[in-house]
């Protein structure tokens, strides 16, 4: 009993190599938060960080799907455990889950989880638009259509500043116009040869 209490109160995992590797490059505050948040996972899983990483490496090479998904299933059970505990707000549960996911990810063995399971906010790919669209005056079509066409041909241009974007679009336009002129000229020459 005394040994079990000592294990619960101590943080022996802080001396573990994989635990230390996980925290490399993080701010002191993040390190402290992760260390505190990792404690519940450590007690729940009952394995040192090294044991977890070694098991994860072994599990990923097996053909047995139950073994392969061991930590994903433990992660889900841990989430359920935290939610049922009742002393944590949903935001705190997400923080705990992000900490565990980060441990595996920063050690090069990310868990195969959906965004919601990792504690990340869902992103709606089709957000609802609530504003009422008013009829607008028709815009001149030549400029936007040409710009849309050119942007579809070089999507990376969208990430440039407007001055660079304009210059790049102009270059692409000139390139395509020259290409069309050369093609028309080649067809014309070919028709002359056939006559």
Protein backbone atom coordinates (compact mmCIF):
# COMPACT_ATOMS: atom_id res chain seq x y z
CA UNK A 1 0.00 0.00 0.00
CA UNK A 2 2.78 2.41 0.93
CA UNK A 3 4.68 1.64 -2.29
CA UNK A 4 1.50 2.21 -4.30
CA UNK A 5 0.97 5.64 -2.66
CA UNK A 6 4.60 6.58 -3.31
CA UNK A 7 4.17 5.62 -6.98
CA UNK A 8 1.04 7.77 -7.23
CA UNK A 9 2.60 10.84 -5.58
CA UNK A 10 6.05 10.66 -7.23
CA UNK A 11 6.82 11.49 -10.82
CA UNK A 12 9.56 8.97 -11.60
CA UNK A 13 8.73 9.24 -15.29
CA UNK A 14 10.41 12.67 -15.37
CA UNK A 15 13.80 10.89 -15.41
CA UNK A 16 12.80 8.66 -18.34
CA UNK A 17 14.66 9.21 -21.63
CA UNK A 18 11.54 9.19 -23.82
CA UNK A 19 9.80 11.58 -21.44
CA UNK A 20 12.78 13.96 -21.66
CA UNK A 21 12.93 13.61 -25.46
CA UNK A 22 9.25 14.54 -25.65
CA UNK A 23 9.86 17.83 -23.84
CA UNK A 24 12.93 18.96 -25.81
CA UNK A 25 12.40 22.40 -27.32
CA UNK A 26 9.27 23.24 -25.33
CA UNK A 27 8.92 26.23 -23.04
CA UNK A 28 9.42 25.71 -19.29
CA UNK A 29 5.72 26.33 -18.65
CA UNK A 30 4.67 23.78 -21.28
CA UNK A 31 7.11 21.25 -19.81
CA UNK A 32 5.62 21.76 -16.35
CA UNK A 33 2.04 21.48 -17.66
CA UNK A 34 2.83 18.35 -19.66
CA UNK A 35 4.55 16.76 -16.65
CA UNK A 36 1.51 17.41 -14.45
CA UNK A 37 -0.99 16.31 -17.10
CA UNK A 38 1.02 13.17 -17.97
CA UNK A 39 0.76 11.97 -14.37
CA UNK A 40 -2.87 10.78 -14.72
CA UNK A 41 -2.02 8.90 -17.92
CA UNK A 42 1.01 7.33 -16.24
CA UNK A 43 -1.13 6.06 -13.35
CA UNK A 44 -3.91 4.93 -15.73
CA UNK A 45 -1.67 3.03 -18.17
CA UNK A 46 0.67 1.60 -15.51
CA UNK A 47 3.75 1.73 -17.74
CA UNK A 48 6.84 3.91 -17.81
CA UNK A 49 7.29 6.15 -20.87
CA UNK A 50 10.03 3.80 -22.15
CA UNK A 51 7.75 0.79 -21.76
CA UNK A 52 4.99 2.64 -23.62
CA UNK A 53 7.24 3.61 -26.53
CA UNK A 54 8.77 0.12 -26.80
CA UNK A 55 5.32 -1.47 -26.73
CA UNK A 56 4.07 1.02 -29.32
CA UNK A 57 7.02 0.19 -31.63
CA UNK A 58 6.35 -3.52 -31.19
CA UNK A 59 2.60 -3.15 -31.66
CA UNK A 60 2.98 -1.25 -34.94
CA UNK A 61 4.90 -4.16 -36.48
CA UNK A 62 2.39 -6.87 -35.58
CA UNK A 63 -0.39 -8.15 -37.81
CA UNK A 64 -2.69 -8.62 -34.82
CA UNK A 65 -5.08 -5.65 -35.00
CA UNK A 66 -5.91 -5.80 -31.29
CA UNK A 67 -2.25 -5.39 -30.43
CA UNK A 68 -1.70 -2.82 -33.17
CA UNK A 69 -4.48 -0.62 -31.78
CA UNK A 70 -3.60 -1.19 -28.11
CA UNK A 71 -2.76 2.44 -27.33
CA UNK A 72 -5.62 3.85 -29.44
CA UNK A 73 -8.02 1.69 -27.41
CA UNK A 74 -6.33 2.66 -24.12
CA UNK A 75 -6.56 6.31 -25.18
CA UNK A 76 -10.32 5.97 -25.72
CA UNK A 77 -10.71 4.18 -22.38
CA UNK A 78 -8.69 6.96 -20.74
CA UNK A 79 -10.96 9.58 -22.29
CA UNK A 80 -14.00 7.75 -20.95
CA UNK A 81 -12.35 7.43 -17.53
CA UNK A 82 -11.61 11.18 -17.38
CA UNK A 83 -15.16 12.07 -18.44
CA UNK A 84 -16.73 9.73 -15.88
CA UNK A 85 -14.48 10.95 -13.07
CA UNK A 86 -16.62 14.06 -12.90
CA UNK A 87 -14.02 16.44 -11.48
CA UNK A 88 -12.77 17.74 -14.83
CA UNK A 89 -14.38 20.22 -17.18
CA UNK A 90 -14.59 19.14 -20.84
CA UNK A 91 -11.77 21.57 -21.68
CA UNK A 92 -9.52 19.90 -19.09
CA UNK A 93 -10.31 16.47 -20.53
CA UNK A 94 -9.27 17.73 -23.97
CA UNK A 95 -6.06 19.13 -22.51
CA UNK A 96 -5.22 15.79 -20.89
CA UNK A 97 -5.91 13.97 -24.17
CA UNK A 98 -3.78 16.41 -26.18
CA UNK A 99 -0.92 15.80 -23.76
CA UNK A 100 -1.03 12.03 -24.29
CA UNK A 101 -1.35 12.40 -28.07
CA UNK A 102 1.61 14.80 -28.01
CA UNK A 103 3.75 12.32 -26.06
CA UNK A 104 3.39 9.68 -28.76
CA UNK A 105 3.56 12.12 -31.65
CA UNK A 106 6.73 13.90 -30.51
CA UNK A 107 8.38 10.52 -29.97
CA UNK A 108 7.69 9.68 -33.63
CA UNK A 109 4.86 7.20 -33.01
CA UNK A 110 1.59 9.16 -33.36
CA UNK A 111 -1.66 7.51 -32.39
CA UNK A 112 -4.13 6.90 -35.19
CA UNK A 113 -6.93 9.08 -33.88
CA UNK A 114 -9.59 11.34 -35.28
CA UNK A 115 -9.37 15.06 -34.47
CA UNK A 116 -12.18 14.87 -31.91
CA UNK A 117 -10.53 12.00 -30.07
CA UNK A 118 -7.28 14.00 -29.76
CA UNK A 119 -9.23 16.82 -28.16
CA UNK A 120 -9.11 19.13 -31.16
CA UNK A 121 -12.07 21.20 -32.22
CA UNK A 122 -13.93 19.85 -35.23
CA UNK A 123 -13.76 21.84 -38.42
CA UNK A 124 -16.93 21.98 -40.44
CA UNK A 125 -16.00 21.54 -44.09
CA UNK A 126 -19.33 23.08 -45.10
CA UNK A 127 -20.09 25.87 -42.63
CA UNK A 128 -23.62 27.20 -42.72
CA UNK A 129 -23.99 30.71 -44.07
CA UNK A 130 -26.61 32.63 -42.19
CA UNK A 131 -26.52 35.94 -44.02
CA UNK A 132 -29.11 36.72 -46.66
CA UNK A 133 -27.57 37.31 -50.04
CA UNK A 134 -28.69 40.52 -51.69
CA UNK A 135 -28.86 40.84 -55.46
CA UNK A 136 -25.85 42.71 -56.72
CA UNK A 137 -24.99 44.58 -59.84
CA UNK A 138 -23.33 42.32 -62.34
CA UNK A 139 -19.57 42.70 -62.30
CA UNK A 140 -17.53 43.05 -65.44
CA UNK A 141 -16.79 39.46 -66.35
CA UNK A 142 -13.57 39.67 -68.33
CA UNK A 143 -11.19 40.51 -65.45
CA UNK A 144 -12.48 38.13 -62.74
CA UNK A 145 -12.90 35.24 -65.19
CA UNK A 146 -9.39 35.68 -66.51
CA UNK A 147 -8.00 36.00 -62.97
CA UNK A 148 -9.96 32.93 -61.81
CA UNK A 149 -8.70 30.96 -64.82
CA UNK A 150 -5.11 31.95 -64.16
CA UNK A 151 -5.42 31.22 -60.43
CA UNK A 152 -6.79 27.78 -61.23
CA UNK A 153 -3.78 27.16 -63.47
CA UNK A 154 -1.33 28.20 -60.73
CA UNK A 155 -2.92 27.73 -57.32
CA UNK A 156 0.29 28.58 -55.46
CA UNK A 157 -0.04 32.17 -56.64
CA UNK A 158 -2.90 32.71 -54.15
CA UNK A 159 -0.37 32.74 -51.32
CA UNK A 160 1.68 35.60 -52.74
CA UNK A 161 1.17 39.28 -51.93
CA UNK A 162 -1.11 41.12 -54.36
CA UNK A 163 1.81 42.83 -56.16
CA UNK A 164 3.67 39.54 -56.58
CA UNK A 165 0.43 37.80 -57.43
CA UNK A 166 -0.33 40.28 -60.22
CA UNK A 167 3.20 40.00 -61.64
CA UNK A 168 3.08 36.18 -61.55
CA UNK A 169 -0.38 36.07 -63.12
CA UNK A 170 0.84 38.36 -65.86
CA UNK A 171 3.79 36.02 -66.53
CA UNK A 172 1.49 33.00 -66.66
CA UNK A 173 -0.89 34.80 -68.99
CA UNK A 174 1.92 35.82 -71.35
CA UNK A 175 3.24 32.24 -71.28
CA UNK A 176 -0.14 30.77 -72.22
CA UNK A 177 -0.79 33.39 -74.90
CA UNK A 178 2.63 32.72 -76.43
CA UNK A 179 2.00 29.01 -76.25
CA UNK A 180 -1.32 29.45 -78.09
CA UNK A 181 0.26 31.71 -80.71
CA UNK A 182 3.01 29.17 -81.35
CA UNK A 183 0.44 26.37 -81.60
CA UNK A 184 -1.69 28.36 -84.06
CA UNK A 185 1.40 29.22 -86.10
CA UNK A 186 2.46 25.55 -86.14
CA UNK A 187 -0.99 24.48 -87.33
CA UNK A 188 -0.95 27.21 -90.00
CA UNK A 189 2.48 26.06 -91.24
CA UNK A 190 1.36 22.45 -91.26
CA UNK A 191 -1.70 23.36 -93.36
CA UNK A 192 0.54 25.24 -95.79
CA UNK A 193 2.75 22.20 -96.18
CA UNK A 194 -0.28 19.99 -96.88
CA UNK A 195 -1.54 22.29 -99.64
